[in-house]
N, C-alpha and C. Protein backbone atom coordinates (compact mmCIF):
# COMPACT_ATOMS: atom_id res chain seq x y z
N MET A 1 57.16 -31.44 -23.90
CA MET A 1 58.55 -31.81 -24.03
C MET A 1 58.64 -33.34 -24.01
N ASP A 2 59.54 -33.91 -24.85
CA ASP A 2 59.70 -35.36 -24.91
C ASP A 2 60.47 -35.85 -23.70
N GLU A 3 59.98 -36.98 -23.16
CA GLU A 3 60.69 -37.61 -22.04
C GLU A 3 61.86 -38.43 -22.57
N ILE A 4 62.93 -38.46 -21.80
CA ILE A 4 64.08 -39.30 -22.16
C ILE A 4 63.73 -40.72 -21.73
N PRO A 5 63.83 -41.70 -22.64
CA PRO A 5 63.48 -43.06 -22.26
C PRO A 5 64.44 -43.61 -21.21
N GLN A 6 63.86 -44.34 -20.25
CA GLN A 6 64.68 -44.94 -19.19
C GLN A 6 65.29 -46.24 -19.68
N SER A 7 66.46 -46.53 -19.15
CA SER A 7 67.08 -47.82 -19.45
C SER A 7 66.36 -48.90 -18.63
N VAL A 8 66.65 -50.15 -18.95
CA VAL A 8 66.04 -51.27 -18.24
C VAL A 8 66.41 -51.20 -16.76
N VAL A 9 67.64 -50.89 -16.48
CA VAL A 9 68.10 -50.83 -15.09
C VAL A 9 67.37 -49.72 -14.34
N GLU A 10 67.23 -48.55 -14.97
CA GLU A 10 66.54 -47.45 -14.32
C GLU A 10 65.08 -47.79 -14.05
N ARG A 11 64.45 -48.49 -15.01
CA ARG A 11 63.05 -48.89 -14.80
C ARG A 11 62.92 -49.87 -13.64
N LEU A 12 63.90 -50.77 -13.49
CA LEU A 12 63.83 -51.74 -12.40
C LEU A 12 64.11 -51.09 -11.06
N LEU A 13 65.07 -50.18 -11.02
CA LEU A 13 65.45 -49.57 -9.76
C LEU A 13 64.52 -48.43 -9.34
N HIS A 14 63.94 -47.74 -10.31
CA HIS A 14 63.06 -46.60 -10.03
C HIS A 14 61.76 -46.77 -10.80
N PRO A 15 60.91 -47.71 -10.40
CA PRO A 15 59.69 -47.95 -11.16
C PRO A 15 58.68 -46.82 -10.94
N ASP A 16 57.70 -46.79 -11.80
CA ASP A 16 56.59 -45.85 -11.60
C ASP A 16 55.87 -46.21 -10.32
N GLU A 17 55.28 -45.22 -9.69
CA GLU A 17 54.56 -45.48 -8.44
C GLU A 17 53.36 -46.40 -8.68
N ASP A 18 52.79 -46.33 -9.86
CA ASP A 18 51.59 -47.12 -10.16
C ASP A 18 51.94 -48.57 -10.52
N ALA A 19 53.13 -48.79 -11.03
CA ALA A 19 53.51 -50.13 -11.48
C ALA A 19 53.94 -50.98 -10.29
N PRO A 20 53.68 -52.31 -10.36
CA PRO A 20 54.15 -53.20 -9.28
C PRO A 20 55.68 -53.28 -9.30
N PRO A 21 56.31 -53.45 -8.13
CA PRO A 21 57.78 -53.49 -8.09
C PRO A 21 58.31 -54.71 -8.83
N ALA A 22 59.34 -54.48 -9.66
CA ALA A 22 59.96 -55.57 -10.42
C ALA A 22 61.04 -56.26 -9.60
N LEU A 23 61.73 -55.51 -8.74
CA LEU A 23 62.79 -56.06 -7.90
C LEU A 23 62.50 -55.69 -6.45
N SER A 24 62.78 -56.62 -5.55
CA SER A 24 62.63 -56.29 -4.14
C SER A 24 63.78 -55.40 -3.70
N ARG A 25 63.58 -54.69 -2.63
CA ARG A 25 64.64 -53.81 -2.12
C ARG A 25 65.88 -54.62 -1.76
N ALA A 26 65.68 -55.83 -1.18
CA ALA A 26 66.82 -56.67 -0.79
C ALA A 26 67.65 -57.09 -1.99
N SER A 27 66.98 -57.39 -3.11
CA SER A 27 67.74 -57.84 -4.28
C SER A 27 68.57 -56.71 -4.89
N THR A 28 68.16 -55.48 -4.68
CA THR A 28 68.96 -54.37 -5.21
C THR A 28 70.18 -54.09 -4.34
N GLN A 29 70.21 -54.64 -3.13
CA GLN A 29 71.32 -54.38 -2.21
C GLN A 29 72.43 -55.43 -2.31
N ARG A 30 72.18 -56.53 -3.01
CA ARG A 30 73.18 -57.60 -3.11
C ARG A 30 74.32 -57.20 -4.02
N LEU A 31 75.50 -57.67 -3.64
CA LEU A 31 76.69 -57.42 -4.45
C LEU A 31 76.60 -58.23 -5.74
N ARG A 32 76.81 -57.57 -6.84
CA ARG A 32 76.81 -58.26 -8.12
C ARG A 32 78.21 -58.21 -8.70
N SER A 33 78.71 -59.40 -9.05
CA SER A 33 80.04 -59.48 -9.63
C SER A 33 80.12 -60.72 -10.51
N VAL A 34 81.13 -60.77 -11.32
CA VAL A 34 81.35 -61.94 -12.17
C VAL A 34 81.58 -63.16 -11.31
N GLU A 35 82.32 -63.01 -10.19
CA GLU A 35 82.61 -64.14 -9.31
C GLU A 35 81.31 -64.72 -8.75
N ARG A 36 80.40 -63.86 -8.30
CA ARG A 36 79.12 -64.33 -7.76
C ARG A 36 78.30 -65.05 -8.84
N TYR A 37 78.34 -64.50 -10.02
CA TYR A 37 77.60 -65.11 -11.12
C TYR A 37 78.14 -66.52 -11.40
N LEU A 38 79.46 -66.66 -11.45
CA LEU A 38 80.06 -67.97 -11.72
C LEU A 38 79.82 -68.94 -10.57
N GLU A 39 79.87 -68.45 -9.33
CA GLU A 39 79.64 -69.31 -8.17
C GLU A 39 78.22 -69.85 -8.17
N ALA A 40 77.28 -69.09 -8.69
CA ALA A 40 75.88 -69.48 -8.65
C ALA A 40 75.59 -70.67 -9.56
N GLY A 41 76.44 -70.94 -10.53
CA GLY A 41 76.17 -72.01 -11.48
C GLY A 41 76.46 -73.40 -10.98
N ASN A 42 77.37 -73.57 -10.06
CA ASN A 42 77.79 -74.90 -9.61
C ASN A 42 77.83 -74.93 -8.09
N PRO A 43 77.74 -76.16 -7.53
CA PRO A 43 77.94 -76.24 -6.08
C PRO A 43 79.39 -75.88 -5.73
N PRO A 44 79.62 -75.36 -4.54
CA PRO A 44 80.99 -75.01 -4.17
C PRO A 44 81.90 -76.24 -4.16
N ARG A 45 83.18 -76.00 -4.34
CA ARG A 45 84.14 -77.11 -4.42
C ARG A 45 84.15 -77.94 -3.15
N TRP A 46 84.02 -77.31 -1.98
CA TRP A 46 84.04 -78.08 -0.73
C TRP A 46 82.88 -79.07 -0.69
N MET A 47 81.74 -78.70 -1.26
CA MET A 47 80.58 -79.59 -1.26
C MET A 47 80.81 -80.77 -2.20
N GLU A 48 81.36 -80.50 -3.38
CA GLU A 48 81.68 -81.58 -4.32
C GLU A 48 82.70 -82.53 -3.71
N ARG A 49 83.72 -81.95 -3.08
CA ARG A 49 84.79 -82.77 -2.49
C ARG A 49 84.25 -83.67 -1.39
N LEU A 50 83.38 -83.13 -0.53
CA LEU A 50 82.80 -83.96 0.54
C LEU A 50 81.99 -85.12 -0.03
N GLY A 51 81.26 -84.85 -1.10
CA GLY A 51 80.51 -85.93 -1.76
C GLY A 51 81.44 -87.00 -2.31
N GLN A 52 82.54 -86.56 -2.92
CA GLN A 52 83.52 -87.51 -3.46
C GLN A 52 84.14 -88.33 -2.33
N ILE A 53 84.44 -87.69 -1.21
CA ILE A 53 85.04 -88.39 -0.07
C ILE A 53 84.06 -89.41 0.48
N ASP A 54 82.81 -89.01 0.70
CA ASP A 54 81.82 -89.93 1.26
C ASP A 54 81.57 -91.11 0.34
N ARG A 55 81.47 -90.86 -0.98
CA ARG A 55 81.29 -91.97 -1.92
C ARG A 55 82.52 -92.86 -1.96
N GLY A 56 83.72 -92.25 -1.91
CA GLY A 56 84.95 -93.03 -1.92
C GLY A 56 85.07 -93.92 -0.70
N ILE A 57 84.72 -93.41 0.47
CA ILE A 57 84.77 -94.21 1.70
C ILE A 57 83.77 -95.36 1.61
N ALA A 58 82.57 -95.08 1.11
CA ALA A 58 81.56 -96.14 0.97
C ALA A 58 82.04 -97.22 0.00
N ASN A 59 82.67 -96.81 -1.10
CA ASN A 59 83.19 -97.79 -2.07
C ASN A 59 84.30 -98.64 -1.46
N GLU A 60 85.21 -98.00 -0.74
CA GLU A 60 86.31 -98.74 -0.11
C GLU A 60 85.77 -99.70 0.95
N ARG A 61 84.80 -99.24 1.72
CA ARG A 61 84.20 -100.11 2.75
C ARG A 61 83.55 -101.32 2.10
N HIS A 62 82.90 -101.11 0.97
CA HIS A 62 82.26 -102.22 0.24
C HIS A 62 83.31 -103.20 -0.29
N ARG A 63 84.38 -102.67 -0.88
CA ARG A 63 85.45 -103.54 -1.39
C ARG A 63 86.11 -104.32 -0.25
N LEU A 64 86.34 -103.64 0.87
CA LEU A 64 86.95 -104.32 2.02
C LEU A 64 86.03 -105.40 2.58
N ALA A 65 84.73 -105.14 2.62
CA ALA A 65 83.78 -106.13 3.12
C ALA A 65 83.81 -107.39 2.25
N ARG A 66 83.89 -107.20 0.92
CA ARG A 66 83.97 -108.37 0.03
C ARG A 66 85.26 -109.16 0.27
N ALA A 67 86.38 -108.45 0.41
CA ALA A 67 87.66 -109.13 0.65
C ALA A 67 87.64 -109.84 2.00
N TYR A 68 87.03 -109.21 3.00
CA TYR A 68 86.93 -109.79 4.35
C TYR A 68 86.12 -111.09 4.32
N ARG A 69 84.96 -111.04 3.63
CA ARG A 69 84.12 -112.25 3.54
C ARG A 69 84.82 -113.36 2.77
N ALA A 70 85.48 -112.99 1.67
CA ALA A 70 86.17 -114.00 0.86
C ALA A 70 87.28 -114.67 1.66
N LEU A 71 88.02 -113.88 2.43
CA LEU A 71 89.10 -114.45 3.25
C LEU A 71 88.52 -115.32 4.36
N ALA A 72 87.41 -114.88 4.95
CA ALA A 72 86.78 -115.66 6.03
C ALA A 72 86.30 -117.02 5.51
N GLU A 73 85.85 -117.07 4.27
CA GLU A 73 85.41 -118.34 3.69
C GLU A 73 86.60 -119.25 3.40
N ARG A 74 87.75 -118.66 3.00
CA ARG A 74 88.94 -119.46 2.68
C ARG A 74 89.67 -119.94 3.92
N GLU A 75 89.85 -119.04 4.89
CA GLU A 75 90.63 -119.33 6.09
C GLU A 75 89.70 -119.63 7.27
N ARG A 76 89.64 -120.89 7.66
CA ARG A 76 88.79 -121.29 8.80
C ARG A 76 89.51 -121.15 10.13
N ASP A 77 90.83 -121.22 10.11
CA ASP A 77 91.63 -121.09 11.32
C ASP A 77 91.72 -119.62 11.71
N ALA A 78 91.40 -119.29 12.96
CA ALA A 78 91.34 -117.89 13.42
C ALA A 78 92.71 -117.21 13.32
N GLN A 79 93.77 -117.90 13.71
CA GLN A 79 95.09 -117.28 13.65
C GLN A 79 95.54 -117.05 12.21
N ALA A 80 95.28 -118.01 11.35
CA ALA A 80 95.64 -117.85 9.93
C ALA A 80 94.83 -116.72 9.31
N PHE A 81 93.55 -116.62 9.67
CA PHE A 81 92.71 -115.53 9.16
C PHE A 81 93.26 -114.18 9.62
N ALA A 82 93.58 -114.06 10.91
CA ALA A 82 94.08 -112.80 11.46
C ALA A 82 95.38 -112.38 10.77
N ALA A 83 96.28 -113.32 10.58
CA ALA A 83 97.56 -113.00 9.93
C ALA A 83 97.34 -112.58 8.47
N ALA A 84 96.49 -113.31 7.76
CA ALA A 84 96.24 -112.99 6.35
C ALA A 84 95.51 -111.64 6.23
N TRP A 85 94.54 -111.38 7.12
CA TRP A 85 93.80 -110.12 7.05
C TRP A 85 94.71 -108.93 7.38
N LEU A 86 95.58 -109.12 8.35
CA LEU A 86 96.52 -108.06 8.69
C LEU A 86 97.44 -107.75 7.50
N GLU A 87 97.85 -108.77 6.78
CA GLU A 87 98.68 -108.57 5.60
C GLU A 87 97.92 -107.83 4.50
N ILE A 88 96.66 -108.18 4.29
CA ILE A 88 95.83 -107.48 3.30
C ILE A 88 95.64 -106.03 3.71
N ALA A 89 95.34 -105.80 4.98
CA ALA A 89 95.11 -104.43 5.47
C ALA A 89 96.36 -103.57 5.31
N ARG A 90 97.52 -104.13 5.58
CA ARG A 90 98.77 -103.37 5.44
C ARG A 90 99.06 -103.01 3.99
N GLY A 91 98.61 -103.85 3.06
CA GLY A 91 98.87 -103.61 1.64
C GLY A 91 97.81 -102.77 0.94
N TRP A 92 96.71 -102.51 1.62
CA TRP A 92 95.61 -101.77 0.99
C TRP A 92 95.99 -100.30 0.83
N ARG A 93 95.72 -99.71 -0.32
CA ARG A 93 96.09 -98.32 -0.60
C ARG A 93 94.85 -97.46 -0.84
N PHE A 94 94.91 -96.24 -0.33
CA PHE A 94 93.81 -95.27 -0.48
C PHE A 94 94.31 -93.99 -1.13
N GLY A 95 95.24 -94.09 -2.06
CA GLY A 95 95.94 -92.94 -2.63
C GLY A 95 95.10 -91.72 -2.96
N GLU A 96 94.23 -91.81 -3.96
CA GLU A 96 93.46 -90.65 -4.41
C GLU A 96 92.47 -90.19 -3.34
N LEU A 97 91.88 -91.14 -2.63
CA LEU A 97 90.91 -90.79 -1.59
C LEU A 97 91.59 -90.03 -0.46
N ASN A 98 92.76 -90.49 -0.04
CA ASN A 98 93.49 -89.77 1.01
C ASN A 98 93.95 -88.39 0.54
N GLU A 99 94.24 -88.25 -0.74
CA GLU A 99 94.60 -86.94 -1.27
C GLU A 99 93.40 -86.00 -1.20
N LEU A 100 92.22 -86.49 -1.53
CA LEU A 100 91.01 -85.68 -1.39
C LEU A 100 90.78 -85.27 0.07
N ILE A 101 91.02 -86.21 0.98
CA ILE A 101 90.84 -85.91 2.41
C ILE A 101 91.85 -84.85 2.85
N ARG A 102 93.08 -84.96 2.39
CA ARG A 102 94.08 -83.94 2.73
C ARG A 102 93.69 -82.56 2.18
N GLN A 103 93.20 -82.54 0.95
CA GLN A 103 92.73 -81.27 0.37
C GLN A 103 91.58 -80.70 1.19
N HIS A 104 90.66 -81.58 1.57
CA HIS A 104 89.53 -81.13 2.39
C HIS A 104 90.01 -80.52 3.70
N ASN A 105 90.90 -81.22 4.38
CA ASN A 105 91.39 -80.74 5.68
C ASN A 105 92.12 -79.41 5.55
N GLU A 106 92.78 -79.20 4.42
CA GLU A 106 93.52 -77.96 4.22
C GLU A 106 92.62 -76.80 3.79
N TRP A 107 91.69 -77.04 2.86
CA TRP A 107 90.96 -75.95 2.23
C TRP A 107 89.56 -75.71 2.79
N TYR A 108 88.94 -76.69 3.42
CA TYR A 108 87.56 -76.53 3.87
C TYR A 108 87.33 -75.29 4.73
N PRO A 109 88.13 -75.03 5.76
CA PRO A 109 87.84 -73.85 6.59
C PRO A 109 87.98 -72.54 5.81
N ILE A 110 88.85 -72.51 4.83
CA ILE A 110 89.03 -71.30 4.03
C ILE A 110 87.86 -71.13 3.07
N GLU A 111 87.49 -72.22 2.40
CA GLU A 111 86.38 -72.16 1.45
C GLU A 111 85.06 -71.84 2.14
N ARG A 112 84.87 -72.33 3.35
CA ARG A 112 83.64 -72.05 4.10
C ARG A 112 83.72 -70.78 4.92
N ARG A 113 84.90 -70.19 4.95
CA ARG A 113 85.13 -68.97 5.74
C ARG A 113 84.74 -69.19 7.20
N LEU A 114 85.24 -70.30 7.75
CA LEU A 114 84.93 -70.62 9.15
C LEU A 114 85.61 -69.63 10.08
N PRO A 115 84.89 -69.20 11.10
CA PRO A 115 85.53 -68.32 12.08
C PRO A 115 86.47 -69.12 12.98
N VAL A 116 87.37 -68.42 13.63
CA VAL A 116 88.32 -69.04 14.54
C VAL A 116 87.81 -68.88 15.97
N ASP A 117 87.88 -69.96 16.74
CA ASP A 117 87.54 -69.91 18.16
C ASP A 117 88.76 -69.34 18.88
N LEU A 118 88.59 -68.19 19.52
CA LEU A 118 89.73 -67.52 20.14
C LEU A 118 90.29 -68.29 21.34
N ARG A 119 89.45 -69.09 22.00
CA ARG A 119 89.95 -69.88 23.13
C ARG A 119 90.88 -70.99 22.67
N THR A 120 90.48 -71.71 21.63
CA THR A 120 91.27 -72.85 21.17
C THR A 120 92.27 -72.47 20.08
N ARG A 121 92.09 -71.28 19.49
CA ARG A 121 92.90 -70.83 18.36
C ARG A 121 92.84 -71.80 17.19
N ASP A 122 91.67 -72.40 17.02
CA ASP A 122 91.40 -73.30 15.92
C ASP A 122 90.05 -72.91 15.34
N TYR A 123 89.73 -73.45 14.18
CA TYR A 123 88.44 -73.15 13.58
C TYR A 123 87.32 -73.72 14.43
N VAL A 124 86.15 -73.10 14.35
CA VAL A 124 85.01 -73.53 15.16
C VAL A 124 84.57 -74.94 14.76
N LEU A 125 83.91 -75.61 15.69
CA LEU A 125 83.37 -76.94 15.43
C LEU A 125 82.11 -76.81 14.57
N ILE A 126 81.85 -77.83 13.79
CA ILE A 126 80.65 -77.86 12.97
C ILE A 126 79.76 -78.96 13.52
N HIS A 127 78.61 -78.58 14.04
CA HIS A 127 77.69 -79.52 14.69
C HIS A 127 78.40 -80.29 15.80
N GLY A 128 79.26 -79.61 16.53
CA GLY A 128 79.96 -80.21 17.65
C GLY A 128 81.16 -81.07 17.28
N ARG A 129 81.51 -81.13 16.00
CA ARG A 129 82.64 -81.96 15.56
C ARG A 129 83.61 -81.13 14.75
N SER A 130 84.84 -81.60 14.71
CA SER A 130 85.84 -80.96 13.88
C SER A 130 85.52 -81.21 12.41
N TYR A 131 85.86 -80.28 11.56
CA TYR A 131 85.65 -80.45 10.12
C TYR A 131 86.65 -81.44 9.53
N ARG A 132 87.74 -81.72 10.25
CA ARG A 132 88.81 -82.57 9.72
C ARG A 132 88.34 -84.02 9.56
N ARG A 133 88.78 -84.62 8.48
CA ARG A 133 88.51 -86.04 8.23
C ARG A 133 89.81 -86.81 8.42
N PRO A 134 89.76 -87.95 9.09
CA PRO A 134 90.99 -88.74 9.23
C PRO A 134 91.35 -89.42 7.91
N VAL A 135 92.66 -89.50 7.64
CA VAL A 135 93.10 -90.24 6.46
C VAL A 135 92.88 -91.73 6.72
N LEU A 136 92.67 -92.46 5.66
CA LEU A 136 92.39 -93.89 5.78
C LEU A 136 93.70 -94.65 5.72
N ASP A 137 93.85 -95.62 6.64
CA ASP A 137 95.07 -96.40 6.72
C ASP A 137 94.75 -97.77 7.31
N THR A 138 95.79 -98.51 7.66
CA THR A 138 95.62 -99.85 8.21
C THR A 138 94.79 -99.82 9.48
N GLU A 139 95.02 -98.86 10.35
CA GLU A 139 94.25 -98.77 11.59
C GLU A 139 92.77 -98.59 11.31
N TRP A 140 92.44 -97.75 10.33
CA TRP A 140 91.04 -97.54 9.98
C TRP A 140 90.41 -98.84 9.49
N ILE A 141 91.14 -99.59 8.66
CA ILE A 141 90.63 -100.87 8.17
C ILE A 141 90.35 -101.81 9.33
N LEU A 142 91.30 -101.90 10.28
CA LEU A 142 91.14 -102.83 11.40
C LEU A 142 90.05 -102.40 12.36
N GLU A 143 89.75 -101.10 12.42
CA GLU A 143 88.60 -100.65 13.22
C GLU A 143 87.29 -101.08 12.56
N GLN A 144 87.24 -100.99 11.24
CA GLN A 144 86.02 -101.35 10.50
C GLN A 144 85.84 -102.86 10.41
N PHE A 145 86.94 -103.57 10.20
CA PHE A 145 86.92 -105.02 10.00
C PHE A 145 88.04 -105.64 10.84
N PRO A 146 87.75 -105.95 12.09
CA PRO A 146 88.80 -106.48 12.98
C PRO A 146 89.32 -107.83 12.51
N ALA A 147 90.59 -108.07 12.79
CA ALA A 147 91.24 -109.35 12.45
C ALA A 147 91.04 -110.31 13.61
N ARG A 148 89.86 -110.85 13.76
CA ARG A 148 89.59 -111.79 14.86
C ARG A 148 89.28 -113.17 14.32
């Protein structure tokens, strides 16, 4: 009697006893879906966003350092320097970067599926720290580059 040919899937899931296994048992147990397939192609959004935030902060810190040095070379008087630096710091804008930080603070725990700590009723800490990033403002500038 002729055997009915097996499909590719049947051959992978039910191989001959003599043939080496094509798929591990664990790989046959994983959920397969279009969403999983699409997720596998790119890094998750939270990871991309964190990279953008870290690069943005480094760029802003570099720009601020240049402005700080340039002002220090122009203004030799300490009080004049402090007043001018405070004015620059108040006028500095972090629009898009702060928007990324706000998005991160809102979506990160959901995207990472962070569990909630029942004692604090907040998401768990990551490596002992909160996942939240502070928005950048005048205070942040003055912490990084004091007006002295």
